[in-house]
Structure formats: structure tokens, C-alpha cells
């Protein structure tokens, strides 16, 4: 299969790529998230050949399962935003301090979405569809197609087009959007992301190269949560501009560390609506993934040269949430889930003018020569508050800040944890999800094409381990985990990081909680409905021990 590798200049971790849009004035500016480089923002694909090289990141996750109708498209979480240690005047931290932006450039709450122009079998031109009859009925378990038999009516090869929504939260204190990861020196912000994939697995065809130049092979609809519910710039990847990715405190919802947040997700006649209600400040913001708000599909046109926006109301794909409600092109198995995006930040001794790192990498006490995963780097002088230099590429050496014992553990030198409740569903958000799963996509990252220090064979599972090995051929210093916790304003809440004295009730064995290897079935590119399978994750399914 021919894969197109985009030829764009890295503009930082947000990889906001500047291009001229055909048919617009010469000075018109088109900016989009380029998933080839935006590795902290985009959904992890199961097939690295999509980009010609590895694109992805470590995503320890909690999945939530329920057979109740509506559990796949309507839920409420209660969230406490984490706080950072106090930094000294001048912004230079002490050697023992760690900060949220070093541990995770984003964390998010996810949901599978209908997108008939997305993998695994996009429709193409609505007037002359490539695959007649392959549609997506919103909020319906009729979209569950998991049968590996290509001739079965519910075959995986005829799975409706699927996108993945990530409701992302961004930590304060470092280099600002764009192209950094913070919206403010001291405040959090949030954005609705919807990731699609412009590949036809059934026929074995890619999006046309002109459109890949313009929006990438994994186009992303993006909109900051605003106070009015109206995006301050176009969200669709075809129409997005620099303004799309530039937070604005006059229009967008900004939140303080430690604020208590109610997060509501529910479908409406014109798309998924997300409400972010800050009980601490009394402010609220919202966003609906509607055509009226500028959300849109990218027309799948493999034989042409166009890159056309189709105004679109993005709706949740499924009615319920189970092991069968997933995104068939994604590495993870999830639908309704929480994930922390870790495995990015590493300290850099000297940032080059082109955003690389030379000299040393690593925290004090573990300095070594910079290496190939030190990219998307920013100098301390560009930071909005905490003056450290670092890089945000995928940390394939497993030696960055995410893998040090600097996670929330009750120490005043470390952040407080992300704390959130299990979701509830139902008309009044009073029905619990009955089961959970802990899942980590470590096998995907431990594959030799990514991390040769971890020779994981994803076909057999041999060499896939937890915890992973660093580029010094040693186990990581630490790997974060979920725990059921008390004392955070809920009978039982989930905390992410380390054990926290006085709060942790059950840590489910630490890293052992992620369970055994999970073999998943995926559509085979060019297989006319045939499938393949591989190990991309560890997963353990449990009865939900933390309900409210």
C-alpha cells in the first residue's frame, strides 16, 4: 500500500501547520492539527503505516461499561482539576518539584462518534457513494459490527465510519497555545476534539494527496469550550485558521487549579453537546458539535484532488458502552473512557532554533546525551510561568518526566491528582455504569519500530511487558496508575498518579491493574472485509467498585 508522508515543518507539539487554501486569497491562512507531529493531541491509530512511521503516545485509561440505553451517548462526570506546587519568584523550580505540564500535556474524556467519511469504510461523495448502504445511525447499537466473517451482515469489514471524540483539558504554566500546551500561566482551558481517519480499509485506498497536504490523514475538528457555546473560529479541519487554536480569555472558559467541575455530555438533535460547569467560580462553558457551529467532515475522495468540507452534525455512535462499542481503527478498545496522555515531556539542556535538543536530556541526577525522541522542544524563556526547557515528542525511551516517581503522592513538591467520578447516565444522571476496565496501550509503544529497548511482538505478545524498559535497558522508575479514593467530595472517586496517604482506598495492584495482554481484531487494509488481529493493549475488566 502506498502511504503518503506529509511534508510539513514542525511547529511545536500542536503542530499547527500553515498552508495556502486553494481558492482563497494568497495571504489567506489555513492552520490545522497535523497528527503526524501532534502526538499529544490525536487519537492513537492501530496501524503505524497510516503515517509511514510511529505516531502515538502512552494513554493509561479507565473504561466504563453499561448495558443501559443512553450510556454510550449521555453521561455526567464530577472532576477536580489538579493543582501545581508553588513556584519561586522568577519561575525557576526546585530540583524536587514537578508540574502538570511535565506529566501530561492533556487529559481527556472520550466517546465514539458517527462519521461516514471516516475509516474503516468511508462513504465518499454523498451523491455517488463509494460504499452504498454503509451508513451510521446515531445513538444506536446497530453500529456494532464485530464479526470477523467478511460475509456476515455484521462483519467488521462493513463497520460504519467512526470518529473519536476527546474532551481535552490543558494544564497551565508552560509555553502557550499555539504552538505550546498551555492556555495561561495559571489557568486551565478545555477543547472538544473529534478525530477522524481518511482511509478506506475495505478497498485499500488512501485520501488523495492534495487533501492530505491540506488537513492530514487524521483530520481533527477542534473547538475551545466557550462561554457562549459559539466557536471563536472555524472548528473543521478544512476551514480552521490560527484563531481556531488560539485561546481567548474573553470568549473561552478558563478554570483555576482545584476548581470543582461538572462535565455533562449528551446528544442533541444537532450533535453532541458538552457542558463544563465550574461550581467553584460559577462560570460555565459549552460546545455543540454541529454544522451550525462550523463542524464538518472531510470528503473522502481518493481518486480526486479536492479537499472539501461537508457541514456535519457529529452524533455519538452507540446507545450503550461495552467491549463491542469501539473505534475499529484505533489502538485502544474504548468508547466511554477517561485517559491521561503521558509519555511526552523530557527536560532538554539546550533547545535549538529549529525546536530540537542538543547537549543533554533528562532530570537532574539522570542526565544523558540527547537522542532521537527529543523533538518539539521549547526553551525556558518561552514559558508563561515555570522556567524549564523541554521536549514534547513521543518519549519512546521511557525516560521522561512521566516515568519518574514525581506523580501525585501527597508531597507538596508534586501536583495534586486528577480526581473524577465514574460517569452516571439516565435522564437525571443517576444511573451508574456497572463495570470498568483499566487499559494501557504499552504494547503499541513497545514495538521495535518505536522502542527497540522493548522488543514487543504485537502478533504473538512475546516481549510485551509492564512496566516498560527505558533506553538504558532498565525498568522505568515509576508508572502511574488509577486508585479508588475517598475524601475528595465524593463517596468514591478515581485519582490518577501514585498512592496518596489519607485518600487511597484501593490501588488495584498499581501497574498490575492494567491486566493481561488484549488481542483485538482490526479490518485488514485492502482485504475486502477480511480482518487481522494484534496485541496493542493490556486490559483488565472489573465490576465497578467506585460508584456514586
Protein backbone atom coordinates (compact mmCIF):
# COMPACT_ATOMS: atom_id res chain seq x y z
CA UNK A 1 0.00 0.00 0.00
CA UNK A 2 1.24 3.47 -0.78
CA UNK A 3 1.30 5.73 2.26
CA UNK A 4 1.64 9.46 1.89
CA UNK A 5 4.01 11.11 4.33
CA UNK A 6 3.10 14.72 4.84
CA UNK A 7 5.91 17.19 4.20
CA UNK A 8 5.33 19.95 6.69
CA UNK A 9 7.52 21.87 9.08
CA UNK A 10 7.17 21.02 12.74
CA UNK A 11 5.60 23.97 14.52
CA UNK A 12 5.62 22.54 18.02
CA UNK A 13 3.54 19.90 19.73
CA UNK A 14 0.27 21.34 18.48
CA UNK A 15 1.85 21.13 15.01
CA UNK A 16 -0.36 23.86 13.69
CA UNK A 17 0.54 23.71 10.03
CA UNK A 18 0.41 26.76 7.81
CA UNK A 19 -0.82 26.20 4.27
CA UNK A 20 -2.49 28.10 1.49
CA UNK A 21 -6.06 27.03 0.90
CA UNK A 22 -6.96 26.64 -2.78
CA UNK A 23 -9.43 29.22 -3.95
CA UNK A 24 -8.66 31.72 -1.19
CA UNK A 25 -6.59 34.92 -1.36
CA UNK A 26 -2.82 34.38 -1.45
CA UNK A 27 -2.38 35.65 2.08
CA UNK A 28 -5.16 33.52 3.50
CA UNK A 29 -4.03 31.35 6.36
CA UNK A 30 -5.09 27.76 6.88
CA UNK A 31 -3.92 26.12 10.06
CA UNK A 32 -4.75 22.62 11.22
CA UNK A 33 -3.61 19.99 13.70
CA UNK A 34 -1.11 17.77 11.89
CA UNK A 35 -1.31 14.37 13.60
CA UNK A 36 2.00 13.31 12.11
CA UNK A 37 3.52 15.65 14.68
CA UNK A 38 0.71 16.50 17.07
CA UNK A 39 1.33 13.40 19.11
CA UNK A 40 -0.14 14.69 22.33
CA UNK A 41 -3.46 15.59 20.70
CA UNK A 42 -4.51 12.89 18.27
CA UNK A 43 -6.17 9.52 18.75
CA UNK A 44 -3.74 6.59 18.63
CA UNK A 45 -4.18 4.55 15.44
CA UNK A 46 -3.69 0.77 15.42
CA UNK A 47 -1.72 0.79 12.16
CA UNK A 48 1.54 2.80 12.12
CA UNK A 49 1.65 2.54 8.33
CA UNK A 50 -1.02 5.25 8.21
CA UNK A 51 1.77 7.80 8.59
CA UNK A 52 4.78 5.79 7.44
CA UNK A 53 6.25 5.89 10.94
CA UNK A 54 5.02 5.74 14.51
CA UNK A 55 2.59 8.39 15.66
CA UNK A 56 1.11 7.95 19.11
CA UNK A 57 1.58 8.12 22.82
CA UNK A 58 1.14 6.36 26.13
CA UNK A 59 -2.51 6.52 27.27
CA UNK A 60 -3.32 4.74 30.54
CA UNK A 61 -7.12 4.73 30.64
CA UNK A 62 -10.22 3.84 32.59
CA UNK A 63 -13.11 2.49 30.51
CA UNK A 64 -16.74 2.46 31.64
CA UNK A 65 -19.32 -0.16 30.61
CA UNK A 66 -23.10 -0.24 30.90
CA UNK A 67 -25.90 -2.03 29.06
CA UNK A 68 -28.34 0.81 29.80
CA UNK A 69 -29.60 2.62 26.68
CA UNK A 70 -28.03 6.06 26.68
CA UNK A 71 -24.82 5.02 28.42
CA UNK A 72 -22.99 5.46 25.11
CA UNK A 73 -24.22 8.99 24.49
CA UNK A 74 -25.28 10.63 27.77
CA UNK A 75 -23.23 10.90 30.95
CA UNK A 76 -22.02 13.16 33.73
CA UNK A 77 -18.67 13.29 35.49
CA UNK A 78 -17.58 15.29 38.52
CA UNK A 79 -13.99 16.49 38.18
CA UNK A 80 -11.49 18.27 40.41
CA UNK A 81 -8.74 19.99 38.43
CA UNK A 82 -5.27 19.27 39.81
CA UNK A 83 -3.06 21.93 41.38
CA UNK A 84 0.67 22.54 40.96
CA UNK A 85 3.33 23.29 43.58
CA UNK A 86 4.10 26.94 44.26
CA UNK A 87 6.98 28.06 42.06
CA UNK A 88 9.52 30.53 43.41
CA UNK A 89 9.78 34.12 42.22
CA UNK A 90 11.39 34.15 38.79
CA UNK A 91 9.71 30.86 37.87
CA UNK A 92 12.70 28.58 38.45
CA UNK A 93 11.52 25.40 40.21
CA UNK A 94 13.46 23.46 42.79
CA UNK A 95 15.02 20.13 41.80
CA UNK A 96 12.30 18.12 43.56
CA UNK A 97 9.28 19.89 42.06
CA UNK A 98 7.10 18.54 39.26
CA UNK A 99 4.21 20.14 37.38
CA UNK A 100 1.15 19.03 35.46
CA UNK A 101 2.50 20.06 32.05
CA UNK A 102 5.53 17.81 32.65
CA UNK A 103 3.34 14.80 33.44
CA UNK A 104 0.61 15.24 30.80
CA UNK A 105 0.11 17.84 28.04
CA UNK A 106 -3.60 16.91 28.17
CA UNK A 107 -6.10 14.59 29.80
CA UNK A 108 -9.49 13.80 28.34
CA UNK A 109 -12.92 12.14 28.46
CA UNK A 110 -13.80 10.20 25.29
CA UNK A 111 -16.69 8.86 23.18
CA UNK A 112 -17.07 7.11 19.79
CA UNK A 113 -18.84 9.20 17.15
CA UNK A 114 -20.54 8.63 13.80
CA UNK A 115 -18.55 9.90 10.83
CA UNK A 116 -19.49 8.46 7.44
CA UNK A 117 -16.37 9.99 5.84
CA UNK A 118 -14.02 8.22 8.26
CA UNK A 119 -12.47 4.75 8.45
CA UNK A 120 -12.91 1.90 8.28
CA UNK A 121 -15.13 2.27 5.20
CA UNK A 122 -15.89 5.90 4.32
CA UNK A 123 -18.81 6.59 2.02
CA UNK A 124 -17.22 9.25 -0.15
CA UNK A 125 -19.34 11.60 -2.26
CA UNK A 126 -22.91 11.56 -0.86
CA UNK A 127 -24.25 11.92 -4.40
CA UNK A 128 -22.21 8.96 -5.66
CA UNK A 129 -21.12 6.96 -2.63
CA UNK A 130 -18.23 4.51 -2.83
CA UNK A 131 -19.87 2.08 -0.44
CA UNK A 132 -23.68 2.24 -0.82
CA UNK A 133 -25.51 1.18 2.31
CA UNK A 134 -22.66 1.72 4.79
CA UNK A 135 -24.15 4.44 6.94
CA UNK A 136 -24.10 5.27 10.63
CA UNK A 137 -27.28 5.53 12.69
CA UNK A 138 -26.58 7.86 15.64
CA UNK A 139 -27.01 6.59 19.19
CA UNK A 140 -27.59 3.02 18.01
CA UNK A 141 -26.03 -0.33 18.79
CA UNK A 142 -26.89 -1.35 15.23
CA UNK A 143 -23.45 0.11 14.53
CA UNK A 144 -21.77 -2.75 16.41
CA UNK A 145 -20.06 -4.75 13.66
CA UNK A 146 -17.54 -7.10 15.26
CA UNK A 147 -17.97 -10.31 13.25
CA UNK A 148 -14.65 -11.32 11.59
CA UNK A 149 -16.57 -13.14 8.82
CA UNK A 150 -16.47 -10.74 5.83
CA UNK A 151 -19.73 -12.19 4.51
CA UNK A 152 -21.72 -11.67 7.70
CA UNK A 153 -24.20 -8.75 7.81
CA UNK A 154 -22.47 -7.50 10.98
CA UNK A 155 -18.95 -8.00 9.65
CA UNK A 156 -16.15 -5.79 10.92
CA UNK A 157 -15.39 -5.04 7.27
CA UNK A 158 -18.76 -3.30 6.92
CA UNK A 159 -18.41 -1.30 10.14
CA UNK A 160 -19.84 2.23 9.78
CA UNK A 161 -17.41 5.11 9.62
CA UNK A 162 -16.29 6.12 13.09
CA UNK A 163 -14.53 9.09 14.70
CA UNK A 164 -13.37 9.52 18.27
CA UNK A 165 -14.21 12.49 20.47
CA UNK A 166 -11.78 13.63 23.14
CA UNK A 167 -12.92 16.33 25.57
CA UNK A 168 -9.43 17.59 26.43
CA UNK A 169 -8.18 19.69 29.37
CA UNK A 170 -4.85 21.57 29.09
CA UNK A 171 -2.57 22.41 32.05
CA UNK A 172 -1.24 25.90 32.77
CA UNK A 173 2.24 27.21 33.33
CA UNK A 174 4.36 26.45 30.28
CA UNK A 175 4.58 27.52 26.60
CA UNK A 176 1.27 28.92 25.37
CA UNK A 177 -1.03 27.70 22.58
CA UNK A 178 -0.15 27.85 19.78
CA UNK A 179 2.22 26.04 19.48
CA UNK A 180 2.61 25.02 23.15
CA UNK A 181 0.29 23.21 25.54
CA UNK A 182 -0.88 25.89 27.99
CA UNK A 183 -3.66 28.46 27.62
CA UNK A 184 -2.46 30.57 30.52
CA UNK A 185 0.28 30.91 33.11
CA UNK A 186 -2.12 29.95 35.89
CA UNK A 187 -5.42 28.69 34.46
CA UNK A 188 -6.71 25.60 32.67
CA UNK A 189 -8.72 25.58 29.46
CA UNK A 190 -10.51 22.84 27.52
CA UNK A 191 -11.42 21.92 23.95
CA UNK A 192 -13.65 19.48 22.10
CA UNK A 193 -11.61 17.39 19.63
CA UNK A 194 -13.08 14.94 17.10
CA UNK A 195 -10.51 12.76 15.29
CA UNK A 196 -11.34 11.02 12.01
CA UNK A 197 -9.24 8.82 9.72
CA UNK A 198 -9.36 9.25 5.92
CA UNK A 199 -8.56 5.68 4.87
CA UNK A 200 -10.73 3.02 3.22
CA UNK A 201 -9.60 -0.26 4.76
CA UNK A 202 -12.06 -2.32 2.69
CA UNK A 203 -10.72 -1.29 -0.72
CA UNK A 204 -7.20 -0.38 0.40
CA UNK A 205 -7.22 3.27 -0.60
CA UNK A 206 -5.93 6.49 0.97
CA UNK A 207 -7.27 10.01 0.80
CA UNK A 208 -5.95 11.98 -2.18
CA UNK A 209 -2.54 13.53 -1.59
CA UNK A 210 -3.69 17.11 -2.10
CA UNK A 211 -6.16 16.77 0.76
CA UNK A 212 -3.56 15.05 2.90
CA UNK A 213 -1.33 18.07 2.30
CA UNK A 214 -4.12 20.34 3.49
CA UNK A 215 -5.58 18.54 6.52
CA UNK A 216 -3.53 15.38 7.07
CA UNK A 217 -4.70 11.78 7.01
CA UNK A 218 -6.19 12.06 10.52
CA UNK A 219 -8.18 15.31 10.33
CA UNK A 220 -9.32 16.87 13.61
CA UNK A 221 -12.31 19.10 14.33
CA UNK A 222 -11.23 21.38 17.19
CA UNK A 223 -13.06 23.98 19.26
CA UNK A 224 -12.22 25.51 22.62
CA UNK A 225 -15.08 25.43 25.12
CA UNK A 226 -16.55 28.94 25.03
CA UNK A 227 -18.79 30.90 27.37
CA UNK A 228 -21.38 31.39 24.61
CA UNK A 229 -21.21 27.92 23.07
CA UNK A 230 -20.13 29.51 19.77
CA UNK A 231 -16.60 28.74 18.47
CA UNK A 232 -14.43 31.80 18.07
CA UNK A 233 -13.03 30.38 14.80
CA UNK A 234 -13.99 27.53 12.42
CA UNK A 235 -13.56 24.07 14.02
CA UNK A 236 -13.50 21.99 10.82
CA UNK A 237 -10.06 20.91 9.60
CA UNK A 238 -10.70 22.24 6.08
CA UNK A 239 -11.66 25.70 7.31
CA UNK A 240 -9.65 26.09 10.53
CA UNK A 241 -7.33 29.06 11.00
CA UNK A 242 -4.73 30.20 13.52
CA UNK A 243 -7.62 31.63 15.53
CA UNK A 244 -9.08 28.15 15.94
CA UNK A 245 -6.10 27.18 18.09
CA UNK A 246 -5.53 30.49 19.89
CA UNK A 247 -7.34 30.59 23.25
CA UNK A 248 -9.13 33.81 24.09
CA UNK A 249 -9.94 34.58 27.75
CA UNK A 250 -12.67 36.97 26.61
CA UNK A 251 -14.64 34.21 24.89
CA UNK A 252 -13.34 30.89 26.27
CA UNK A 253 -13.87 29.18 29.60
CA UNK A 254 -10.77 29.45 31.78
CA UNK A 255 -10.64 27.47 35.04
CA UNK A 256 -8.46 27.56 38.13
CA UNK A 257 -6.46 24.71 39.58
CA UNK A 258 -8.51 22.98 42.26
CA UNK A 259 -11.85 24.03 40.77
CA UNK A 260 -14.78 21.60 41.06
CA UNK A 261 -16.18 20.86 37.61
CA UNK A 262 -19.40 19.18 36.49
CA UNK A 263 -18.95 17.74 33.00
CA UNK A 264 -22.12 16.81 31.09
CA UNK A 265 -22.06 15.06 27.71
CA UNK A 266 -25.32 14.41 25.86
CA UNK A 267 -26.62 14.16 22.34
CA UNK A 268 -28.94 16.78 20.86
CA UNK A 269 -30.81 16.96 17.53
CA UNK A 270 -27.78 18.75 16.05
CA UNK A 271 -24.84 16.94 17.61
CA UNK A 272 -23.09 16.14 20.86
CA UNK A 273 -23.28 18.92 23.41
CA UNK A 274 -20.69 19.24 26.18
CA UNK A 275 -21.26 21.48 29.19
CA UNK A 276 -18.39 22.36 31.52
CA UNK A 277 -19.83 23.84 34.71
CA UNK A 278 -17.37 25.33 37.20
CA UNK A 279 -19.05 25.08 40.60
CA UNK A 280 -16.17 26.96 42.24
CA UNK A 281 -16.40 30.13 40.16
CA UNK A 282 -20.00 29.85 38.94
CA UNK A 283 -18.92 30.10 35.29
CA UNK A 284 -19.91 27.64 32.62
CA UNK A 285 -18.97 26.98 29.03
CA UNK A 286 -20.32 24.65 26.40
CA UNK A 287 -19.93 23.47 22.82
CA UNK A 288 -22.12 21.51 20.38
CA UNK A 289 -20.51 19.57 17.53
CA UNK A 290 -22.95 20.93 14.95
CA UNK A 291 -22.76 22.10 11.37
CA UNK A 292 -24.18 25.40 12.59
CA UNK A 293 -21.08 25.78 14.78
CA UNK A 294 -18.79 25.08 11.83
CA UNK A 295 -18.03 21.40 12.45
CA UNK A 296 -17.58 19.36 9.33
CA UNK A 297 -16.44 16.15 7.71
CA UNK A 298 -13.61 15.97 5.21
CA UNK A 299 -14.97 14.46 2.00
CA UNK A 300 -13.22 11.17 1.31
CA UNK A 301 -12.12 11.50 -2.31
CA UNK A 302 -9.30 9.02 -3.02
CA UNK A 303 -9.13 9.46 -6.80
CA UNK A 304 -9.65 13.21 -6.97
CA UNK A 305 -7.70 16.24 -5.90
CA UNK A 306 -10.24 18.11 -3.78
CA UNK A 307 -10.31 18.75 -0.06
CA UNK A 308 -13.90 19.60 0.64
CA UNK A 309 -15.67 20.38 3.90
CA UNK A 310 -19.08 18.76 4.38
CA UNK A 311 -21.01 20.57 7.14
CA UNK A 312 -21.94 17.88 9.63
CA UNK A 313 -23.62 17.30 12.97
CA UNK A 314 -21.38 14.84 14.82
CA UNK A 315 -23.51 12.48 16.93
CA UNK A 316 -22.46 9.70 19.33
CA UNK A 317 -22.30 6.39 17.52
CA UNK A 318 -23.63 3.92 20.09
CA UNK A 319 -26.52 3.58 22.52
CA UNK A 320 -24.60 1.60 25.14
CA UNK A 321 -20.98 1.20 26.19
CA UNK A 322 -19.32 -2.23 26.18
CA UNK A 323 -16.30 -4.12 24.88
CA UNK A 324 -18.07 -4.15 21.49
CA UNK A 325 -18.60 -0.39 21.17
CA UNK A 326 -15.24 0.77 19.93
CA UNK A 327 -13.41 2.64 17.17
CA UNK A 328 -12.17 -0.13 14.86
CA UNK A 329 -9.17 1.83 13.55
CA UNK A 330 -7.89 2.91 16.98
CA UNK A 331 -5.26 1.09 19.02
CA UNK A 332 -7.37 1.27 22.18
CA UNK A 333 -10.60 -0.67 22.65
CA UNK A 334 -12.61 2.12 24.19
CA UNK A 335 -15.80 4.07 23.72
CA UNK A 336 -16.70 5.81 27.01
CA UNK A 337 -13.38 6.39 28.72
CA UNK A 338 -11.04 8.65 30.65
CA UNK A 339 -7.40 8.83 29.59
CA UNK A 340 -4.31 10.69 30.69
CA UNK A 341 -1.86 11.44 27.88
CA UNK A 342 1.54 10.72 29.34
CA UNK A 343 4.97 9.91 27.92
CA UNK A 344 5.87 13.21 26.28
CA UNK A 345 7.81 15.75 28.32
CA UNK A 346 11.55 15.35 28.81
CA UNK A 347 13.95 18.01 30.01
CA UNK A 348 16.37 19.47 27.47
CA UNK A 349 19.76 21.02 28.19
CA UNK A 350 19.74 23.23 25.09
CA UNK A 351 16.91 23.91 22.67
CA UNK A 352 17.98 24.62 19.11
CA UNK A 353 16.47 27.31 16.90
CA UNK A 354 14.61 24.63 14.91
CA UNK A 355 12.95 23.15 18.02
CA UNK A 356 15.37 20.28 18.53
CA UNK A 357 17.54 19.45 21.51
CA UNK A 358 21.30 19.09 21.70
CA UNK A 359 23.52 18.55 24.68
CA UNK A 360 21.71 16.68 27.44
CA UNK A 361 18.24 15.37 28.22
CA UNK A 362 16.66 14.23 31.47
CA UNK A 363 16.07 15.45 35.00
CA UNK A 364 18.84 16.37 37.44
CA UNK A 365 20.58 13.20 38.57
CA UNK A 366 19.78 11.35 35.35
CA UNK A 367 21.40 13.46 32.64
CA UNK A 368 22.48 11.81 29.41
CA UNK A 369 23.09 12.79 25.82
CA UNK A 370 20.02 13.96 23.91
CA UNK A 371 18.64 11.43 21.44
CA UNK A 372 16.18 10.93 18.57
CA UNK A 373 12.97 11.36 20.61
CA UNK A 374 13.92 14.87 21.74
CA UNK A 375 11.80 16.92 19.32
CA UNK A 376 9.11 19.60 19.56
CA UNK A 377 11.26 21.42 22.12
CA UNK A 378 10.72 24.80 23.78
CA UNK A 379 13.22 26.90 25.70
CA UNK A 380 12.53 28.02 29.27
CA UNK A 381 12.38 31.62 28.02
CA UNK A 382 9.15 30.80 26.12
CA UNK A 383 7.36 29.53 29.24
CA UNK A 384 4.49 31.53 30.68
CA UNK A 385 5.45 30.71 34.29
CA UNK A 386 7.64 27.68 35.12
CA UNK A 387 11.06 28.24 33.58
CA UNK A 388 12.19 24.86 32.31
CA UNK A 389 13.28 23.75 28.85
CA UNK A 390 11.81 20.56 27.47
CA UNK A 391 10.60 18.49 24.53
CA UNK A 392 7.16 17.02 23.82
CA UNK A 393 7.72 14.30 21.25
CA UNK A 394 6.66 10.70 22.00
CA UNK A 395 9.07 9.60 24.74
CA UNK A 396 9.97 6.24 23.19
CA UNK A 397 12.92 5.90 25.57
CA UNK A 398 10.50 5.84 28.53
CA UNK A 399 12.89 8.17 30.39
CA UNK A 400 10.94 11.44 30.58
CA UNK A 401 9.08 13.05 33.48
CA UNK A 402 6.04 10.75 33.09
CA UNK A 403 8.18 7.76 34.12
CA UNK A 404 9.76 9.29 37.20
CA UNK A 405 8.40 8.98 40.73
CA UNK A 406 7.14 12.58 40.74
CA UNK A 407 3.41 11.88 40.36
CA UNK A 408 0.78 12.97 42.92
CA UNK A 409 1.61 11.22 46.18
CA UNK A 410 0.77 13.80 48.84
CA UNK A 411 4.11 15.59 48.57
CA UNK A 412 3.86 19.40 48.38
CA UNK A 413 6.55 19.28 45.68
CA UNK A 414 4.26 17.27 43.39
CA UNK A 415 0.88 18.17 41.85
CA UNK A 416 -2.39 17.07 43.35
CA UNK A 417 -4.07 14.26 41.37
CA UNK A 418 -6.67 14.44 38.64
CA UNK A 419 -9.80 13.37 40.54
CA UNK A 420 -13.00 12.34 38.76
CA UNK A 421 -16.04 10.23 39.49
CA UNK A 422 -17.32 7.29 37.50
CA UNK A 423 -19.82 8.63 34.97
CA UNK A 424 -23.55 8.39 35.57
CA UNK A 425 -26.19 8.18 32.88
CA UNK A 426 -30.01 8.34 32.68
CA UNK A 427 -32.44 11.21 32.41
CA UNK A 428 -31.27 12.64 35.75
CA UNK A 429 -27.69 11.35 35.62
CA UNK A 430 -28.49 8.98 38.49
CA UNK A 431 -27.70 5.58 36.92
CA UNK A 432 -24.24 4.08 37.41
CA UNK A 433 -22.06 2.22 34.93
CA UNK A 434 -21.85 -1.36 36.17
CA UNK A 435 -18.36 -2.30 35.02
CA UNK A 436 -14.98 -0.70 34.38
CA UNK A 437 -11.71 -1.62 32.72
CA UNK A 438 -8.15 -0.44 33.19
CA UNK A 439 -6.32 -0.30 29.86
CA UNK A 440 -2.83 0.75 28.72
CA UNK A 441 -1.56 0.76 25.14
CA UNK A 442 2.02 -0.09 26.14
CA UNK A 443 2.40 -2.92 23.58
CA UNK A 444 1.82 -0.44 20.76
CA UNK A 445 4.69 1.75 22.00
CA UNK A 446 6.98 -1.16 22.91
CA UNK A 447 7.05 -2.42 19.31
CA UNK A 448 10.57 -2.43 17.79
CA UNK A 449 9.70 0.26 15.26
CA UNK A 450 9.10 2.63 18.19
CA UNK A 451 11.14 1.44 21.15
CA UNK A 452 13.85 -1.12 20.30
CA UNK A 453 14.60 -1.42 24.01
CA UNK A 454 11.23 -3.19 24.32
CA UNK A 455 11.05 -5.79 21.52
CA UNK A 456 7.30 -6.40 21.74
CA UNK A 457 5.94 -8.70 19.04
CA UNK A 458 2.37 -7.48 18.61
CA UNK A 459 1.43 -10.60 16.66
CA UNK A 460 2.43 -13.06 19.41
CA UNK A 461 2.66 -10.87 22.53
CA UNK A 462 6.23 -12.02 23.18
CA UNK A 463 8.35 -9.23 24.70
CA UNK A 464 5.35 -7.05 25.61
CA UNK A 465 5.87 -6.13 29.25
CA UNK A 466 4.69 -3.87 32.01
CA UNK A 467 6.43 -1.86 33.27
CA UNK A 468 8.34 -0.99 30.09
CA UNK A 469 12.12 -0.73 29.77
CA UNK A 470 13.97 2.56 29.35
CA UNK A 471 16.61 3.24 26.71
CA UNK A 472 19.11 2.25 29.42
CA UNK A 473 17.55 -1.25 29.38
CA UNK A 474 16.16 -0.83 32.89
CA UNK A 475 12.59 -0.83 34.17
CA UNK A 476 11.05 2.62 34.36
CA UNK A 477 11.42 4.34 37.69
CA UNK A 478 7.63 4.61 38.02
CA UNK A 479 4.44 4.03 36.04
CA UNK A 480 1.25 5.88 37.14
CA UNK A 481 -1.98 4.10 37.98
CA UNK A 482 -5.60 4.68 38.97
CA UNK A 483 -6.90 4.31 42.51
CA UNK A 484 -10.27 4.44 44.18
CA UNK A 485 -10.06 7.32 46.62
CA UNK A 486 -12.05 8.96 49.39
CA UNK A 487 -12.09 12.48 50.81
CA UNK A 488 -12.48 14.42 47.58
CA UNK A 489 -16.13 15.40 47.99
CA UNK A 490 -17.49 12.11 46.63
CA UNK A 491 -18.19 8.79 48.28
CA UNK A 492 -15.76 7.22 45.85
CA UNK A 493 -13.68 8.93 43.17
CA UNK A 494 -10.86 7.96 40.83
CA UNK A 495 -7.44 9.52 41.38
CA UNK A 496 -4.55 9.15 38.96
CA UNK A 497 -0.88 9.04 39.89
CA UNK A 498 0.52 7.31 42.97
CA UNK A 499 -0.87 6.20 46.33
CA UNK A 500 -1.92 9.24 48.35
CA UNK A 501 -1.88 8.93 52.15
CA UNK A 502 -5.29 9.51 53.67
CA UNK A 503 -7.07 9.19 50.32
CA UNK A 504 -6.18 5.96 48.50
CA UNK A 505 -8.64 3.18 49.35
CA UNK A 506 -7.60 0.67 46.66
CA UNK A 507 -4.84 0.90 44.05
CA UNK A 508 -5.71 -2.44 42.39
CA UNK A 509 -2.10 -3.56 42.45
CA UNK A 510 -0.56 -0.46 40.87
CA UNK A 511 0.69 -1.18 37.36
CA UNK A 512 -0.69 -4.73 37.63
CA UNK A 513 -4.19 -3.21 37.36
CA UNK A 514 -3.83 -2.91 33.59
CA UNK A 515 -4.24 -6.67 33.34
CA UNK A 516 -3.22 -9.22 30.69
CA UNK A 517 -2.49 -8.70 27.02
CA UNK A 518 -5.54 -7.99 24.89
CA UNK A 519 -5.78 -9.25 21.31
CA UNK A 520 -8.07 -7.08 19.19
CA UNK A 521 -9.39 -7.67 15.69
CA UNK A 522 -8.99 -4.92 13.10
CA UNK A 523 -10.02 -4.50 9.45
CA UNK A 524 -7.30 -5.54 7.01
CA UNK A 525 -6.21 -2.81 4.63
CA UNK A 526 -7.23 -3.84 1.13
CA UNK A 527 -8.74 -7.08 2.44
CA UNK A 528 -12.28 -6.54 1.04
CA UNK A 529 -13.68 -7.16 4.52
CA UNK A 530 -11.04 -9.57 5.82
CA UNK A 531 -9.57 -8.90 9.26
CA UNK A 532 -6.32 -9.16 11.15
CA UNK A 533 -5.53 -9.14 14.86
CA UNK A 534 -2.73 -7.99 17.13
CA UNK A 535 -1.85 -7.05 20.68
CA UNK A 536 -1.91 -3.27 21.20
CA UNK A 537 -3.08 -3.11 24.82
CA UNK A 538 -3.18 -4.55 28.29
CA UNK A 539 -6.69 -4.62 29.78
CA UNK A 540 -8.48 -5.81 32.91
CA UNK A 541 -12.30 -5.70 33.25
CA UNK A 542 -13.90 -5.46 36.71
CA UNK A 543 -17.24 -4.79 38.35
CA UNK A 544 -17.31 -1.06 39.06
CA UNK A 545 -16.06 -0.64 42.64
CA UNK A 546 -16.42 3.14 42.62
CA UNK A 547 -20.00 4.31 42.07
CA UNK A 548 -21.87 7.34 43.30
